[in-house]
Amino acid sequence: MTAQLTLDELAGLMKSTAGLTVDPKEMADRPDSTFAEYGLDSLGLLGIVGALENRFGRPLPADAERTKTPRDFLELVNTDPVTTTGA
């Protein structure tokens, strides 16, 4: 993964952790659509957070599993110093 989580990677995580196929271009066109509109519930988002925490070897920001949209999630994860240090 790059230092910045991308929509492509987020879509891949949605597929691998929640079994949802989401087109990253659709998320780019509608970044403020809720995860629920894509079929991702809070448990699915928690799975994504867990997968990223395993990848980084440390916790994501406490609010990561409470974000409602792809834009909010990427902004939170990509501005957190834990994920942008190349860990």
C-alpha atoms as a PDB file:
ATOM      1  CA  MET A   1       0.000   0.000   0.000  1.00  0.00           C
ATOM      2  CA  THR A   2       1.149   3.533  -0.670  1.00  0.00           C
ATOM      3  CA  ALA A   3       1.593   6.104   2.097  1.00  0.00           C
ATOM      4  CA  GLN A   4      -1.876   7.419   1.214  1.00  0.00           C
ATOM      5  CA  LEU A   5      -4.840   5.054   1.123  1.00  0.00           C
ATOM      6  CA  THR A   6      -6.571   5.368  -2.246  1.00  0.00           C
ATOM      7  CA  LEU A   7     -10.115   4.724  -3.391  1.00  0.00           C
ATOM      8  CA  ASP A   8      -8.825   1.695  -5.325  1.00  0.00           C
ATOM      9  CA  GLU A   9      -7.374   0.254  -2.136  1.00  0.00           C
ATOM     10  CA  LEU A  10     -10.519   1.085  -0.171  1.00  0.00           C
ATOM     11  CA  ALA A  11     -12.640  -0.665  -2.807  1.00  0.00           C
ATOM     12  CA  GLY A  12     -10.315  -3.678  -2.570  1.00  0.00           C
ATOM     13  CA  LEU A  13     -10.702  -3.738   1.199  1.00  0.00           C
ATOM     14  CA  MET A  14     -14.479  -3.515   0.846  1.00  0.00           C
ATOM     15  CA  LYS A  15     -14.290  -6.587  -1.403  1.00  0.00           C
ATOM     16  CA  SER A  16     -11.882  -8.603   0.743  1.00  0.00           C
ATOM     17  CA  THR A  17     -13.377  -7.823   4.160  1.00  0.00           C
ATOM     18  CA  ALA A  18     -17.084  -7.412   3.408  1.00  0.00           C
ATOM     19  CA  GLY A  19     -17.555  -9.144   0.056  1.00  0.00           C
ATOM     20  CA  LEU A  20     -18.778  -5.951  -1.629  1.00  0.00           C
ATOM     21  CA  THR A  21     -17.817  -5.082  -5.164  1.00  0.00           C
ATOM     22  CA  VAL A  22     -17.637  -1.312  -5.476  1.00  0.00           C
ATOM     23  CA  ASP A  23     -16.222   0.556  -8.454  1.00  0.00           C
ATOM     24  CA  PRO A  24     -13.579   3.032  -7.246  1.00  0.00           C
ATOM     25  CA  LYS A  25     -14.648   5.402 -10.034  1.00  0.00           C
ATOM     26  CA  GLU A  26     -18.167   5.413  -8.597  1.00  0.00           C
ATOM     27  CA  MET A  27     -16.764   6.328  -5.182  1.00  0.00           C
ATOM     28  CA  ALA A  28     -14.681   9.074  -6.797  1.00  0.00           C
ATOM     29  CA  ASP A  29     -17.793  10.426  -8.518  1.00  0.00           C
ATOM     30  CA  ARG A  30     -19.829  10.211  -5.302  1.00  0.00           C
ATOM     31  CA  PRO A  31     -17.331  10.559  -2.420  1.00  0.00           C
ATOM     32  CA  ASP A  32     -19.969  11.831  -0.002  1.00  0.00           C
ATOM     33  CA  SER A  33     -22.301   8.880  -0.506  1.00  0.00           C
ATOM     34  CA  THR A  34     -22.550   6.936   2.705  1.00  0.00           C
ATOM     35  CA  PHE A  35     -20.968   3.553   3.195  1.00  0.00           C
ATOM     36  CA  ALA A  36     -24.511   2.275   3.779  1.00  0.00           C
ATOM     37  CA  GLU A  37     -25.413   3.288   0.212  1.00  0.00           C
ATOM     38  CA  TYR A  38     -22.639   0.955  -0.971  1.00  0.00           C
ATOM     39  CA  GLY A  39     -23.964  -1.809   1.288  1.00  0.00           C
ATOM     40  CA  LEU A  40     -21.214  -1.508   3.899  1.00  0.00           C
ATOM     41  CA  ASP A  41     -22.440  -1.615   7.479  1.00  0.00           C
ATOM     42  CA  SER A  42     -20.576  -0.695  10.659  1.00  0.00           C
ATOM     43  CA  LEU A  43     -19.299  -4.244  11.100  1.00  0.00           C
ATOM     44  CA  GLY A  44     -17.882  -4.204   7.564  1.00  0.00           C
ATOM     45  CA  LEU A  45     -16.162  -0.891   8.223  1.00  0.00           C
ATOM     46  CA  LEU A  46     -14.743  -2.302  11.440  1.00  0.00           C
ATOM     47  CA  GLY A  47     -13.318  -5.162   9.357  1.00  0.00           C
ATOM     48  CA  ILE A  48     -11.611  -2.647   7.062  1.00  0.00           C
ATOM     49  CA  VAL A  49     -10.174  -0.793  10.041  1.00  0.00           C
ATOM     50  CA  GLY A  50      -8.901  -4.090  11.456  1.00  0.00           C
ATOM     51  CA  ALA A  51      -7.308  -5.073   8.150  1.00  0.00           C
ATOM     52  CA  LEU A  52      -5.517  -1.727   7.928  1.00  0.00           C
ATOM     53  CA  GLU A  53      -4.390  -1.932  11.552  1.00  0.00           C
ATOM     54  CA  ASN A  54      -2.916  -5.364  10.844  1.00  0.00           C
ATOM     55  CA  ARG A  55      -1.184  -3.995   7.752  1.00  0.00           C
ATOM     56  CA  PHE A  56       0.293  -1.025   9.635  1.00  0.00           C
ATOM     57  CA  GLY A  57       0.944  -2.925  12.850  1.00  0.00           C
ATOM     58  CA  ARG A  58      -0.665  -0.194  14.945  1.00  0.00           C
ATOM     59  CA  PRO A  59      -4.127   1.283  15.574  1.00  0.00           C
ATOM     60  CA  LEU A  60      -5.881   3.734  13.285  1.00  0.00           C
ATOM     61  CA  PRO A  61      -7.512   6.866  14.735  1.00  0.00           C
ATOM     62  CA  ALA A  62     -10.289   6.054  17.201  1.00  0.00           C
ATOM     63  CA  ASP A  63     -12.960   7.591  14.960  1.00  0.00           C
ATOM     64  CA  ALA A  64     -12.039   5.576  11.841  1.00  0.00           C
ATOM     65  CA  GLU A  65     -14.807   3.020  12.335  1.00  0.00           C
ATOM     66  CA  ARG A  66     -17.363   5.789  12.872  1.00  0.00           C
ATOM     67  CA  THR A  67     -16.854   7.595   9.571  1.00  0.00           C
ATOM     68  CA  LYS A  68     -19.868   7.627   7.283  1.00  0.00           C
ATOM     69  CA  THR A  69     -18.418   8.261   3.811  1.00  0.00           C
ATOM     70  CA  PRO A  70     -15.385   7.216   1.781  1.00  0.00           C
ATOM     71  CA  ARG A  71     -14.226  10.857   1.730  1.00  0.00           C
ATOM     72  CA  ASP A  72     -14.377  11.117   5.539  1.00  0.00           C
ATOM     73  CA  PHE A  73     -12.599   7.787   5.978  1.00  0.00           C
ATOM     74  CA  LEU A  74      -9.772   8.632   3.563  1.00  0.00           C
ATOM     75  CA  GLU A  75      -9.301  12.110   5.025  1.00  0.00           C
ATOM     76  CA  LEU A  76      -9.054  10.718   8.547  1.00  0.00           C
ATOM     77  CA  VAL A  77      -6.779   7.814   7.673  1.00  0.00           C
ATOM     78  CA  ASN A  78      -4.550   9.787   5.307  1.00  0.00           C
ATOM     79  CA  THR A  79      -3.993  12.704   7.683  1.00  0.00           C
ATOM     80  CA  ASP A  80      -3.173  10.500  10.667  1.00  0.00           C
ATOM     81  CA  PRO A  81       0.601  10.436  11.267  1.00  0.00           C
ATOM     82  CA  VAL A  82       0.486   6.700  11.964  1.00  0.00           C
ATOM     83  CA  THR A  83      -0.468   5.902   8.369  1.00  0.00           C
ATOM     84  CA  THR A  84       1.600   8.504   6.550  1.00  0.00           C
ATOM     85  CA  THR A  85       4.976   7.607   8.014  1.00  0.00           C
ATOM     86  CA  GLY A  86       5.378   4.686   5.661  1.00  0.00           C
ATOM     87  CA  ALA A  87       4.776   2.158   8.426  1.00  0.00           C
END
